[in-house]
Amino acid sequence: MSKEEKAAAIVERLNQEYQTTVRSLRTSLQTFLSGGPPPTPAERAKGIFTYPELRLSWPPGRAYPRLSRAYARISQPGNYSVTVTRPDLYRDYLTEQIGLLMKDFDVSVEVGRSTQEMPFPYVLDGAVDLAMADVGSAEIARHFPTTELAYIGDEIADGLWIPSLEETRPLALFDGLRIDFSLARLAHYTGTPAEHVQQYILFTNYHRYVDEFVRWGCEQIREGRYEALSAAGRVLVTADTENGEQAVADGPWRRHQMPAYHLMAPGRRGITLVNIGVGPSNAKTITDHLAVLRPQAWLMIGHCGGLRGSQTIGDYVLAHAYLRDDHVL
């Protein structure tokens, strides 16, 4: 079996473990909401609701490979781990990264159960209807894992991780808990499924750019260059849609704080446009959440705050940084 095939098998094992957790959590929720008993502390201690964990080991004494890439590499020998969610969504990414690490570093990789529990809101679907149950969310949280912001952070990405406090080194910037939180917030803020976000992202704060993007996107779909346009309010435009622009305009996009529009292509190689409105707080919020999807690039289109006398209307300005006068951001 090649390294690539082994990597694919590891990702499939992660997916199986993830699906096992989701089924256990949904089944227990259905039982409890139907008047049955909640899960016992002993059952939760066995890890029936925990995320799968990807573990990697690179022993000392081996030569460090000479690599030019900035990804799929480890800095020093040791044990690494990360909890994983939605392996189906990250299958290509995980397979590539694990395969390269196995090929170039000859690491040993295994899949196990973590101690990090999956919050129940992230597995709710049509089979688990909270609205029909005579049980409040606070009562559910007494017996099931729930979202605790105290356990969700960016210590690794912000460089605040303290090695002496952990047995293993982090294998990724974001763990399963942080990713699930961001995927849920993306759906809330943008009005579209997080799965529809593409690898190339544009930000704007002018609705006329949205109108032009939708017009151009519908044209590209008719010509067969892209598969579909997913718009805020769960509107989906395909080549069979009679008037895609009108369908998007009539959709409930106004309900969402930062409506998004995804011109979708195979392998998520399309373009996403997000109308972030005005202000740095929205920009920081949406980029914090989009980062977990590992986009290839993002770019803001709009107006530049600091203009020179030599610039005229129509000039291209690439803003590489900004600084608020109060130094908050």
C-alpha atoms as a PDB file:
ATOM      1  CA  MET A   1       0.000   0.000   0.000  1.00  0.00           C
ATOM      2  CA  SER A   2       1.409   3.404  -1.005  1.00  0.00           C
ATOM      3  CA  LYS A   3       1.720   6.356   1.376  1.00  0.00           C
ATOM      4  CA  GLU A   4      -1.203   8.034  -0.366  1.00  0.00           C
ATOM      5  CA  GLU A   5      -3.385   4.945   0.061  1.00  0.00           C
ATOM      6  CA  LYS A   6      -2.405   4.674   3.723  1.00  0.00           C
ATOM      7  CA  ALA A   7      -3.271   8.345   4.231  1.00  0.00           C
ATOM      8  CA  ALA A   8      -6.672   7.828   2.599  1.00  0.00           C
ATOM      9  CA  ALA A   9      -7.315   4.829   4.868  1.00  0.00           C
ATOM     10  CA  ILE A  10      -6.425   6.906   7.946  1.00  0.00           C
ATOM     11  CA  VAL A  11      -8.865   9.641   6.914  1.00  0.00           C
ATOM     12  CA  GLU A  12     -11.569   7.036   6.362  1.00  0.00           C
ATOM     13  CA  ARG A  13     -10.923   5.695   9.870  1.00  0.00           C
ATOM     14  CA  LEU A  14     -11.279   9.252  11.213  1.00  0.00           C
ATOM     15  CA  ASN A  15     -14.588   9.552   9.392  1.00  0.00           C
ATOM     16  CA  GLN A  16     -15.841   6.265  10.848  1.00  0.00           C
ATOM     17  CA  GLU A  17     -14.939   7.367  14.378  1.00  0.00           C
ATOM     18  CA  TYR A  18     -16.576  10.743  13.800  1.00  0.00           C
ATOM     19  CA  GLN A  19     -19.789   9.165  12.509  1.00  0.00           C
ATOM     20  CA  THR A  20     -19.841   6.833  15.521  1.00  0.00           C
ATOM     21  CA  THR A  21     -19.751   9.828  17.861  1.00  0.00           C
ATOM     22  CA  VAL A  22     -22.474  11.644  15.915  1.00  0.00           C
ATOM     23  CA  ARG A  23     -24.742   8.589  15.999  1.00  0.00           C
ATOM     24  CA  SER A  24     -24.173   8.074  19.726  1.00  0.00           C
ATOM     25  CA  LEU A  25     -24.946  11.701  20.506  1.00  0.00           C
ATOM     26  CA  ARG A  26     -28.056  11.820  18.307  1.00  0.00           C
ATOM     27  CA  THR A  27     -29.389   8.534  19.660  1.00  0.00           C
ATOM     28  CA  SER A  28     -28.905   9.639  23.263  1.00  0.00           C
ATOM     29  CA  LEU A  29     -30.578  12.972  22.528  1.00  0.00           C
ATOM     30  CA  GLN A  30     -33.581  11.290  20.918  1.00  0.00           C
ATOM     31  CA  THR A  31     -33.931   8.953  23.888  1.00  0.00           C
ATOM     32  CA  PHE A  32     -33.748  11.795  26.401  1.00  0.00           C
ATOM     33  CA  LEU A  33     -36.128  14.089  24.489  1.00  0.00           C
ATOM     34  CA  SER A  34     -38.615  11.228  24.226  1.00  0.00           C
ATOM     35  CA  GLY A  35     -38.744  10.899  27.994  1.00  0.00           C
ATOM     36  CA  GLY A  36     -35.977   8.348  28.422  1.00  0.00           C
ATOM     37  CA  PRO A  37     -32.982   8.507  30.751  1.00  0.00           C
ATOM     38  CA  PRO A  38     -30.006  10.799  30.063  1.00  0.00           C
ATOM     39  CA  PRO A  39     -26.515   9.374  29.534  1.00  0.00           C
ATOM     40  CA  THR A  40     -24.791   8.433  32.775  1.00  0.00           C
ATOM     41  CA  PRO A  41     -21.474   9.972  33.887  1.00  0.00           C
ATOM     42  CA  ALA A  42     -19.901   6.535  33.463  1.00  0.00           C
ATOM     43  CA  GLU A  43     -21.008   6.384  29.822  1.00  0.00           C
ATOM     44  CA  ARG A  44     -19.604   9.832  29.115  1.00  0.00           C
ATOM     45  CA  ALA A  45     -16.361   8.883  30.853  1.00  0.00           C
ATOM     46  CA  LYS A  46     -15.968   6.068  28.306  1.00  0.00           C
ATOM     47  CA  GLY A  47     -15.773   8.684  25.548  1.00  0.00           C
ATOM     48  CA  ILE A  48     -18.997   7.942  23.685  1.00  0.00           C
ATOM     49  CA  PHE A  49     -19.366  11.650  22.802  1.00  0.00           C
ATOM     50  CA  THR A  50     -15.712  12.515  22.118  1.00  0.00           C
ATOM     51  CA  TYR A  51     -14.054  13.702  18.927  1.00  0.00           C
ATOM     52  CA  PRO A  52     -11.688  11.349  17.112  1.00  0.00           C
ATOM     53  CA  GLU A  53      -8.029  12.233  17.538  1.00  0.00           C
ATOM     54  CA  LEU A  54      -5.252  12.090  14.963  1.00  0.00           C
ATOM     55  CA  ARG A  55      -1.890  11.223  16.532  1.00  0.00           C
ATOM     56  CA  LEU A  56       1.515  11.453  14.910  1.00  0.00           C
ATOM     57  CA  SER A  57       4.957  10.501  16.189  1.00  0.00           C
ATOM     58  CA  TRP A  58       8.374  11.415  14.779  1.00  0.00           C
ATOM     59  CA  PRO A  59      11.194   9.964  16.898  1.00  0.00           C
ATOM     60  CA  PRO A  60      14.484  11.835  17.453  1.00  0.00           C
ATOM     61  CA  GLY A  61      17.677  11.005  15.619  1.00  0.00           C
ATOM     62  CA  ARG A  62      16.351  11.196  12.076  1.00  0.00           C
ATOM     63  CA  ALA A  63      17.637  13.599   9.437  1.00  0.00           C
ATOM     64  CA  TYR A  64      15.388  16.571   8.762  1.00  0.00           C
ATOM     65  CA  PRO A  65      14.260  16.529   5.113  1.00  0.00           C
ATOM     66  CA  ARG A  66      15.056  19.534   2.941  1.00  0.00           C
ATOM     67  CA  LEU A  67      11.678  20.918   1.895  1.00  0.00           C
ATOM     68  CA  SER A  68      10.740  24.140   0.131  1.00  0.00           C
ATOM     69  CA  ARG A  69       7.037  24.012   0.977  1.00  0.00           C
ATOM     70  CA  ALA A  70       5.549  25.816   3.987  1.00  0.00           C
ATOM     71  CA  TYR A  71       2.922  23.165   4.779  1.00  0.00           C
ATOM     72  CA  ALA A  72       2.837  19.463   5.714  1.00  0.00           C
ATOM     73  CA  ARG A  73       5.963  19.712   7.819  1.00  0.00           C
ATOM     74  CA  ILE A  74       6.902  19.417  11.488  1.00  0.00           C
ATOM     75  CA  SER A  75       9.522  21.500  13.247  1.00  0.00           C
ATOM     76  CA  GLN A  76      11.064  18.973  15.635  1.00  0.00           C
ATOM     77  CA  PRO A  77      10.843  15.346  16.798  1.00  0.00           C
ATOM     78  CA  GLY A  78       8.074  14.461  19.215  1.00  0.00           C
ATOM     79  CA  ASN A  79       4.460  13.421  19.562  1.00  0.00           C
ATOM     80  CA  TYR A  80       1.732  15.490  17.906  1.00  0.00           C
ATOM     81  CA  SER A  81      -2.058  15.304  18.081  1.00  0.00           C
ATOM     82  CA  VAL A  82      -5.252  17.136  17.133  1.00  0.00           C
ATOM     83  CA  THR A  83      -8.954  16.410  17.449  1.00  0.00           C
ATOM     84  CA  VAL A  84     -10.757  16.160  14.118  1.00  0.00           C
ATOM     85  CA  THR A  85     -14.282  17.032  13.015  1.00  0.00           C
ATOM     86  CA  ARG A  86     -16.063  16.714   9.667  1.00  0.00           C
ATOM     87  CA  PRO A  87     -13.489  14.461   7.952  1.00  0.00           C
ATOM     88  CA  ASP A  88     -15.857  14.350   4.975  1.00  0.00           C
ATOM     89  CA  LEU A  89     -15.452  18.099   4.460  1.00  0.00           C
ATOM     90  CA  TYR A  90     -11.670  18.016   4.944  1.00  0.00           C
ATOM     91  CA  ARG A  91     -10.995  14.666   3.246  1.00  0.00           C
ATOM     92  CA  ASP A  92      -8.794  15.979   0.405  1.00  0.00           C
ATOM     93  CA  TYR A  93      -6.911  18.338   2.714  1.00  0.00           C
ATOM     94  CA  LEU A  94      -6.250  15.690   5.364  1.00  0.00           C
ATOM     95  CA  THR A  95      -5.269  13.031   2.840  1.00  0.00           C
ATOM     96  CA  GLU A  96      -2.729  15.319   1.177  1.00  0.00           C
ATOM     97  CA  GLN A  97      -1.200  16.559   4.435  1.00  0.00           C
ATOM     98  CA  ILE A  98      -0.953  13.130   6.077  1.00  0.00           C
ATOM     99  CA  GLY A  99       0.417  11.562   2.894  1.00  0.00           C
ATOM    100  CA  LEU A 100       3.199  14.143   2.594  1.00  0.00           C
ATOM    101  CA  LEU A 101       4.152  13.805   6.267  1.00  0.00           C
ATOM    102  CA  MET A 102       4.346  10.027   5.954  1.00  0.00           C
ATOM    103  CA  LYS A 103       6.373  10.264   2.748  1.00  0.00           C
ATOM    104  CA  ASP A 104       8.915  12.910   3.775  1.00  0.00           C
ATOM    105  CA  PHE A 105       9.196  12.365   7.546  1.00  0.00           C
ATOM    106  CA  ASP A 106       8.317   8.658   7.754  1.00  0.00           C
ATOM    107  CA  VAL A 107       6.096   9.388  10.745  1.00  0.00           C
ATOM    108  CA  SER A 108       3.870   6.864  12.465  1.00  0.00           C
ATOM    109  CA  VAL A 109       0.194   7.834  12.466  1.00  0.00           C
ATOM    110  CA  GLU A 110      -2.730   6.445  14.433  1.00  0.00           C
ATOM    111  CA  VAL A 111      -6.365   7.290  15.116  1.00  0.00           C
ATOM    112  CA  GLY A 112      -7.901   7.139  18.579  1.00  0.00           C
ATOM    113  CA  ARG A 113     -10.505   8.689  20.827  1.00  0.00           C
ATOM    114  CA  SER A 114      -9.831  12.030  22.480  1.00  0.00           C
ATOM    115  CA  THR A 115     -11.105  13.429  25.772  1.00  0.00           C
ATOM    116  CA  GLN A 116     -12.693  16.450  24.043  1.00  0.00           C
ATOM    117  CA  GLU A 117     -16.470  16.051  23.860  1.00  0.00           C
ATOM    118  CA  MET A 118     -18.578  17.162  20.903  1.00  0.00           C
ATOM    119  CA  PRO A 119     -21.269  19.739  21.864  1.00  0.00           C
ATOM    120  CA  PHE A 120     -24.788  18.520  21.127  1.00  0.00           C
ATOM    121  CA  PRO A 121     -25.867  21.557  18.990  1.00  0.00           C
ATOM    122  CA  TYR A 122     -23.410  20.475  16.273  1.00  0.00           C
ATOM    123  CA  VAL A 123     -25.196  17.187  15.574  1.00  0.00           C
ATOM    124  CA  LEU A 124     -28.789  18.404  15.510  1.00  0.00           C
ATOM    125  CA  ASP A 125     -30.731  17.553  12.371  1.00  0.00           C
ATOM    126  CA  GLY A 126     -34.286  16.718  11.382  1.00  0.00           C
ATOM    127  CA  ALA A 127     -34.168  13.521  13.416  1.00  0.00           C
ATOM    128  CA  VAL A 128     -33.638  15.463  16.644  1.00  0.00           C
ATOM    129  CA  ASP A 129     -36.355  18.090  16.958  1.00  0.00           C
ATOM    130  CA  LEU A 130     -35.861  20.250  20.041  1.00  0.00           C
ATOM    131  CA  ALA A 131     -38.947  22.316  19.238  1.00  0.00           C
ATOM    132  CA  MET A 132     -41.202  19.283  19.708  1.00  0.00           C
ATOM    133  CA  ALA A 133     -39.665  18.284  23.033  1.00  0.00           C
ATOM    134  CA  ASP A 134     -40.820  19.624  26.378  1.00  0.00           C
ATOM    135  CA  VAL A 135     -37.217  20.098  27.487  1.00  0.00           C
ATOM    136  CA  GLY A 136     -35.257  23.345  27.609  1.00  0.00           C
ATOM    137  CA  SER A 137     -31.710  23.741  26.338  1.00  0.00           C
ATOM    138  CA  ALA A 138     -30.470  24.377  29.887  1.00  0.00           C
ATOM    139  CA  GLU A 139     -31.834  20.992  30.982  1.00  0.00           C
ATOM    140  CA  ILE A 140     -30.176  19.286  28.013  1.00  0.00           C
ATOM    141  CA  ALA A 141     -26.866  20.958  28.873  1.00  0.00           C
ATOM    142  CA  ARG A 142     -26.996  19.353  32.332  1.00  0.00           C
ATOM    143  CA  HIS A 143     -26.599  15.909  30.786  1.00  0.00           C
ATOM    144  CA  PHE A 144     -24.968  16.468  27.385  1.00  0.00           C
ATOM    145  CA  PRO A 145     -21.804  18.286  26.277  1.00  0.00           C
ATOM    146  CA  THR A 146     -22.576  21.830  25.176  1.00  0.00           C
ATOM    147  CA  THR A 147     -20.690  24.770  23.712  1.00  0.00           C
ATOM    148  CA  GLU A 148     -18.368  26.316  26.307  1.00  0.00           C
ATOM    149  CA  LEU A 149     -16.526  29.365  24.983  1.00  0.00           C
ATOM    150  CA  ALA A 150     -13.942  28.978  27.749  1.00  0.00           C
ATOM    151  CA  TYR A 151     -12.667  25.865  25.948  1.00  0.00           C
ATOM    152  CA  ILE A 152     -12.614  27.451  22.482  1.00  0.00           C
ATOM    153  CA  GLY A 153      -9.633  29.619  21.632  1.00  0.00           C
ATOM    154  CA  ASP A 154      -6.869  30.549  19.224  1.00  0.00           C
ATOM    155  CA  GLU A 155      -3.898  29.967  21.519  1.00  0.00           C
ATOM    156  CA  ILE A 156      -2.033  27.979  18.874  1.00  0.00           C
ATOM    157  CA  ALA A 157      -2.681  30.376  15.984  1.00  0.00           C
ATOM    158  CA  ASP A 158      -1.859  33.366  18.207  1.00  0.00           C
ATOM    159  CA  GLY A 159       1.404  31.841  19.433  1.00  0.00           C
ATOM    160  CA  LEU A 160       0.227  31.607  23.050  1.00  0.00           C
ATOM    161  CA  TRP A 161       0.441  27.817  23.352  1.00  0.00           C
ATOM    162  CA  ILE A 162       2.686  26.725  26.245  1.00  0.00           C
ATOM    163  CA  PRO A 163       4.545  23.453  25.484  1.00  0.00           C
ATOM    164  CA  SER A 164       5.242  22.628  29.127  1.00  0.00           C
ATOM    165  CA  LEU A 165       1.508  22.314  29.864  1.00  0.00           C
ATOM    166  CA  GLU A 166       0.765  19.689  27.203  1.00  0.00           C
ATOM    167  CA  GLU A 167       1.894  16.101  26.715  1.00  0.00           C
ATOM    168  CA  THR A 168       1.802  16.382  22.928  1.00  0.00           C
ATOM    169  CA  ARG A 169       2.448  19.190  20.488  1.00  0.00           C
ATOM    170  CA  PRO A 170      -0.420  20.561  18.357  1.00  0.00           C
ATOM    171  CA  LEU A 171      -0.703  19.046  14.895  1.00  0.00           C
ATOM    172  CA  ALA A 172      -2.909  21.832  13.493  1.00  0.00           C
ATOM    173  CA  LEU A 173      -3.902  25.417  14.240  1.00  0.00           C
ATOM    174  CA  PHE A 174      -7.532  24.535  14.996  1.00  0.00           C
ATOM    175  CA  ASP A 175      -8.973  21.555  16.855  1.00  0.00           C
ATOM    176  CA  GLY A 176     -12.350  19.909  16.324  1.00  0.00           C
ATOM    177  CA  LEU A 177     -14.139  22.074  18.877  1.00  0.00           C
ATOM    178  CA  ARG A 178     -12.914  25.332  17.344  1.00  0.00           C
ATOM    179  CA  ILE A 179     -13.745  24.192  13.800  1.00  0.00           C
ATOM    180  CA  ASP A 180     -17.282  23.086  14.678  1.00  0.00           C
ATOM    181  CA  PHE A 181     -17.884  26.416  16.409  1.00  0.00           C
ATOM    182  CA  SER A 182     -16.725  28.350  13.336  1.00  0.00           C
ATOM    183  CA  LEU A 183     -18.704  26.219  10.869  1.00  0.00           C
ATOM    184  CA  ALA A 184     -21.864  26.919  12.865  1.00  0.00           C
ATOM    185  CA  ARG A 185     -21.136  30.660  13.046  1.00  0.00           C
ATOM    186  CA  LEU A 186     -20.461  30.841   9.309  1.00  0.00           C
ATOM    187  CA  ALA A 187     -23.899  29.423   8.559  1.00  0.00           C
ATOM    188  CA  HIS A 188     -25.426  31.926  10.993  1.00  0.00           C
ATOM    189  CA  TYR A 189     -23.597  35.015   9.729  1.00  0.00           C
ATOM    190  CA  THR A 190     -23.654  34.324   5.980  1.00  0.00           C
ATOM    191  CA  GLY A 191     -26.982  32.536   5.510  1.00  0.00           C
ATOM    192  CA  THR A 192     -25.309  29.769   3.500  1.00  0.00           C
ATOM    193  CA  PRO A 193     -23.957  26.294   4.349  1.00  0.00           C
ATOM    194  CA  ALA A 194     -20.313  26.385   5.403  1.00  0.00           C
ATOM    195  CA  GLU A 195     -19.722  23.498   2.989  1.00  0.00           C
ATOM    196  CA  HIS A 196     -20.361  25.881   0.069  1.00  0.00           C
ATOM    197  CA  VAL A 197     -17.472  28.240   0.904  1.00  0.00           C
ATOM    198  CA  GLN A 198     -14.908  28.168  -1.910  1.00  0.00           C
ATOM    199  CA  GLN A 199     -11.114  28.364  -1.751  1.00  0.00           C
ATOM    200  CA  TYR A 200     -10.868  31.880  -3.198  1.00  0.00           C
ATOM    201  CA  ILE A 201     -12.682  34.555  -1.195  1.00  0.00           C
ATOM    202  CA  LEU A 202     -13.576  38.180  -1.892  1.00  0.00           C
ATOM    203  CA  PHE A 203     -14.802  40.628   0.746  1.00  0.00           C
ATOM    204  CA  THR A 204     -16.752  43.791   0.021  1.00  0.00           C
ATOM    205  CA  ASN A 205     -18.915  46.337   1.807  1.00  0.00           C
ATOM    206  CA  TYR A 206     -20.794  47.640  -1.230  1.00  0.00           C
ATOM    207  CA  HIS A 207     -23.949  45.924  -2.410  1.00  0.00           C
ATOM    208  CA  ARG A 208     -23.388  47.016  -5.995  1.00  0.00           C
ATOM    209  CA  TYR A 209     -20.398  44.673  -6.073  1.00  0.00           C
ATOM    210  CA  VAL A 210     -22.709  41.888  -4.927  1.00  0.00           C
ATOM    211  CA  ASP A 211     -25.141  42.666  -7.757  1.00  0.00           C
ATOM    212  CA  GLU A 212     -22.334  42.565 -10.310  1.00  0.00           C
ATOM    213  CA  PHE A 213     -20.916  39.330  -8.874  1.00  0.00           C
ATOM    214  CA  VAL A 214     -24.338  37.658  -9.015  1.00  0.00           C
ATOM    215  CA  ARG A 215     -24.914  38.864 -12.583  1.00  0.00           C
ATOM    216  CA  TRP A 216     -21.499  37.649 -13.714  1.00  0.00           C
ATOM    217  CA  GLY A 217     -21.846  34.405 -11.772  1.00  0.00           C
ATOM    218  CA  CYS A 218     -25.186  33.536 -13.365  1.00  0.00           C
ATOM    219  CA  GLU A 219     -23.635  34.184 -16.762  1.00  0.00           C
ATOM    220  CA  GLN A 220     -20.709  31.868 -15.966  1.00  0.00           C
ATOM    221  CA  ILE A 221     -23.096  29.115 -14.858  1.00  0.00           C
ATOM    222  CA  ARG A 222     -25.080  29.340 -18.095  1.00  0.00           C
ATOM    223  CA  GLU A 223     -21.823  28.976 -20.030  1.00  0.00           C
ATOM    224  CA  GLY A 224     -20.869  25.897 -18.001  1.00  0.00           C
ATOM    225  CA  ARG A 225     -17.787  27.346 -16.282  1.00  0.00           C
ATOM    226  CA  TYR A 226     -19.189  26.854 -12.767  1.00  0.00           C
ATOM    227  CA  GLU A 227     -21.684  24.423 -11.251  1.00  0.00           C
ATOM    228  CA  ALA A 228     -23.996  26.640  -9.195  1.00  0.00           C
ATOM    229  CA  LEU A 229     -24.361  29.852  -7.200  1.00  0.00           C
ATOM    230  CA  SER A 230     -25.241  29.480  -3.531  1.00  0.00           C
ATOM    231  CA  ALA A 231     -26.665  32.731  -2.155  1.00  0.00           C
ATOM    232  CA  ALA A 232     -27.586  34.025   1.293  1.00  0.00           C
ATOM    233  CA  GLY A 233     -30.960  32.757   2.445  1.00  0.00           C
ATOM    234  CA  ARG A 234     -30.304  29.222   1.152  1.00  0.00           C
ATOM    235  CA  VAL A 235     -30.953  30.206  -2.468  1.00  0.00           C
ATOM    236  CA  LEU A 236     -29.313  27.910  -5.034  1.00  0.00           C
ATOM    237  CA  VAL A 237     -29.004  28.960  -8.675  1.00  0.00           C
ATOM    238  CA  THR A 238     -28.133  26.342 -11.310  1.00  0.00           C
ATOM    239  CA  ALA A 239     -28.090  26.276 -15.100  1.00  0.00           C
ATOM    240  CA  ASP A 240     -31.764  25.264 -14.975  1.00  0.00           C
ATOM    241  CA  THR A 241     -32.843  28.326 -12.955  1.00  0.00           C
ATOM    242  CA  GLU A 242     -34.855  30.628 -15.223  1.00  0.00           C
ATOM    243  CA  ASN A 243     -33.961  33.980 -13.643  1.00  0.00           C
ATOM    244  CA  GLY A 244     -31.100  33.464 -11.229  1.00  0.00           C
ATOM    245  CA  GLU A 245     -30.461  37.151 -10.565  1.00  0.00           C
ATOM    246  CA  GLN A 246     -34.068  37.743  -9.563  1.00  0.00           C
ATOM    247  CA  ALA A 247     -34.118  34.623  -7.384  1.00  0.00           C
ATOM    248  CA  VAL A 248     -31.097  35.908  -5.453  1.00  0.00           C
ATOM    249  CA  ALA A 249     -32.513  39.436  -5.161  1.00  0.00           C
ATOM    250  CA  ASP A 250     -35.844  38.102  -3.862  1.00  0.00           C
ATOM    251  CA  GLY A 251     -34.172  35.810  -1.335  1.00  0.00           C
ATOM    252  CA  PRO A 252     -34.063  36.560   2.411  1.00  0.00           C
ATOM    253  CA  TRP A 253     -30.449  37.795   2.342  1.00  0.00           C
ATOM    254  CA  ARG A 254     -31.316  40.839   4.491  1.00  0.00           C
ATOM    255  CA  ARG A 255     -31.790  38.591   7.521  1.00  0.00           C
ATOM    256  CA  HIS A 256     -28.082  37.846   7.704  1.00  0.00           C
ATOM    257  CA  GLN A 257     -25.323  40.003   9.121  1.00  0.00           C
ATOM    258  CA  MET A 258     -22.761  39.173   6.421  1.00  0.00           C
ATOM    259  CA  PRO A 259     -24.529  37.584   3.425  1.00  0.00           C
ATOM    260  CA  ALA A 260     -22.339  35.368   1.264  1.00  0.00           C
ATOM    261  CA  TYR A 261     -22.472  34.233  -2.358  1.00  0.00           C
ATOM    262  CA  HIS A 262     -20.563  31.156  -3.520  1.00  0.00           C
ATOM    263  CA  LEU A 263     -19.822  30.542  -7.193  1.00  0.00           C
ATOM    264  CA  MET A 264     -19.133  26.838  -6.856  1.00  0.00           C
ATOM    265  CA  ALA A 265     -16.714  24.663  -8.815  1.00  0.00           C
ATOM    266  CA  PRO A 266     -15.497  21.068  -8.340  1.00  0.00           C
ATOM    267  CA  GLY A 267     -13.045  20.686  -5.467  1.00  0.00           C
ATOM    268  CA  ARG A 268     -14.213  24.014  -4.009  1.00  0.00           C
ATOM    269  CA  ARG A 269     -12.053  25.792  -6.616  1.00  0.00           C
ATOM    270  CA  GLY A 270     -14.646  28.504  -7.156  1.00  0.00           C
ATOM    271  CA  ILE A 271     -15.099  32.006  -5.736  1.00  0.00           C
ATOM    272  CA  THR A 272     -16.881  33.209  -2.597  1.00  0.00           C
ATOM    273  CA  LEU A 273     -18.012  36.812  -2.087  1.00  0.00           C
ATOM    274  CA  VAL A 274     -18.948  38.011   1.412  1.00  0.00           C
ATOM    275  CA  ASN A 275     -20.582  41.378   2.058  1.00  0.00           C
ATOM    276  CA  ILE A 276     -19.042  42.192   5.448  1.00  0.00           C
ATOM    277  CA  GLY A 277     -20.601  45.625   5.833  1.00  0.00           C
ATOM    278  CA  VAL A 278     -18.698  48.488   7.461  1.00  0.00           C
ATOM    279  CA  GLY A 279     -16.212  48.254  10.310  1.00  0.00           C
ATOM    280  CA  PRO A 280     -13.216  46.127  11.326  1.00  0.00           C
ATOM    281  CA  SER A 281     -15.205  44.060  13.843  1.00  0.00           C
ATOM    282  CA  ASN A 282     -17.126  42.242  11.103  1.00  0.00           C
ATOM    283  CA  ALA A 283     -13.927  41.741   9.109  1.00  0.00           C
ATOM    284  CA  LYS A 284     -12.131  40.176  12.069  1.00  0.00           C
ATOM    285  CA  THR A 285     -15.106  38.002  12.993  1.00  0.00           C
ATOM    286  CA  ILE A 286     -15.640  36.526   9.540  1.00  0.00           C
ATOM    287  CA  THR A 287     -11.944  35.931   8.814  1.00  0.00           C
ATOM    288  CA  ASP A 288     -11.506  34.185  12.177  1.00  0.00           C
ATOM    289  CA  HIS A 289     -14.227  31.732  11.169  1.00  0.00           C
ATOM    290  CA  LEU A 290     -13.310  31.361   7.487  1.00  0.00           C
ATOM    291  CA  ALA A 291      -9.732  30.483   8.453  1.00  0.00           C
ATOM    292  CA  VAL A 292     -10.797  27.006   9.611  1.00  0.00           C
ATOM    293  CA  LEU A 293     -11.757  26.153   6.004  1.00  0.00           C
ATOM    294  CA  ARG A 294      -8.168  26.703   4.827  1.00  0.00           C
ATOM    295  CA  PRO A 295      -8.885  29.029   1.866  1.00  0.00           C
ATOM    296  CA  GLN A 296      -6.131  29.557  -0.695  1.00  0.00           C
ATOM    297  CA  ALA A 297      -6.509  33.354  -0.695  1.00  0.00           C
ATOM    298  CA  TRP A 298      -8.811  36.187   0.300  1.00  0.00           C
ATOM    299  CA  LEU A 299      -8.952  39.770  -0.911  1.00  0.00           C
ATOM    300  CA  MET A 300     -10.953  42.857   0.046  1.00  0.00           C
ATOM    301  CA  ILE A 301     -12.466  44.879  -2.791  1.00  0.00           C
ATOM    302  CA  GLY A 302     -13.768  48.356  -2.077  1.00  0.00           C
ATOM    303  CA  HIS A 303     -12.316  51.739  -1.237  1.00  0.00           C
ATOM    304  CA  CYS A 304      -8.946  52.458   0.346  1.00  0.00           C
ATOM    305  CA  GLY A 305      -8.912  54.708   3.410  1.00  0.00           C
ATOM    306  CA  GLY A 306      -5.569  56.390   2.725  1.00  0.00           C
ATOM    307  CA  LEU A 307      -5.359  57.864  -0.777  1.00  0.00           C
ATOM    308  CA  ARG A 308      -2.452  59.699  -2.360  1.00  0.00           C
ATOM    309  CA  GLY A 309      -2.748  62.791  -4.499  1.00  0.00           C
ATOM    310  CA  SER A 310      -1.372  60.875  -7.466  1.00  0.00           C
ATOM    311  CA  GLN A 311      -4.215  58.326  -7.403  1.00  0.00           C
ATOM    312  CA  THR A 312      -7.284  58.681  -9.569  1.00  0.00           C
ATOM    313  CA  ILE A 313     -10.616  56.912  -9.872  1.00  0.00           C
ATOM    314  CA  GLY A 314     -10.103  53.449 -11.324  1.00  0.00           C
ATOM    315  CA  ASP A 315      -6.590  52.910  -9.918  1.00  0.00           C
ATOM    316  CA  TYR A 316      -5.891  49.528  -8.327  1.00  0.00           C
ATOM    317  CA  VAL A 317      -4.880  49.850  -4.659  1.00  0.00           C
ATOM    318  CA  LEU A 318      -3.593  46.864  -2.688  1.00  0.00           C
ATOM    319  CA  ALA A 319      -3.926  47.647   1.039  1.00  0.00           C
ATOM    320  CA  HIS A 320      -1.437  45.463   2.928  1.00  0.00           C
ATOM    321  CA  ALA A 321      -2.216  46.745   6.444  1.00  0.00           C
ATOM    322  CA  TYR A 322      -4.380  49.094   8.467  1.00  0.00           C
ATOM    323  CA  LEU A 323      -4.173  50.789  11.863  1.00  0.00           C
ATOM    324  CA  ARG A 324      -7.042  52.311  13.795  1.00  0.00           C
ATOM    325  CA  ASP A 325      -6.375  55.633  15.457  1.00  0.00           C
ATOM    326  CA  ASP A 326      -7.284  54.171  18.867  1.00  0.00           C
ATOM    327  CA  HIS A 327      -4.932  51.189  18.262  1.00  0.00           C
ATOM    328  CA  VAL A 328      -7.652  48.689  19.195  1.00  0.00           C
ATOM    329  CA  LEU A 329      -7.015  46.642  16.039  1.00  0.00           C
END
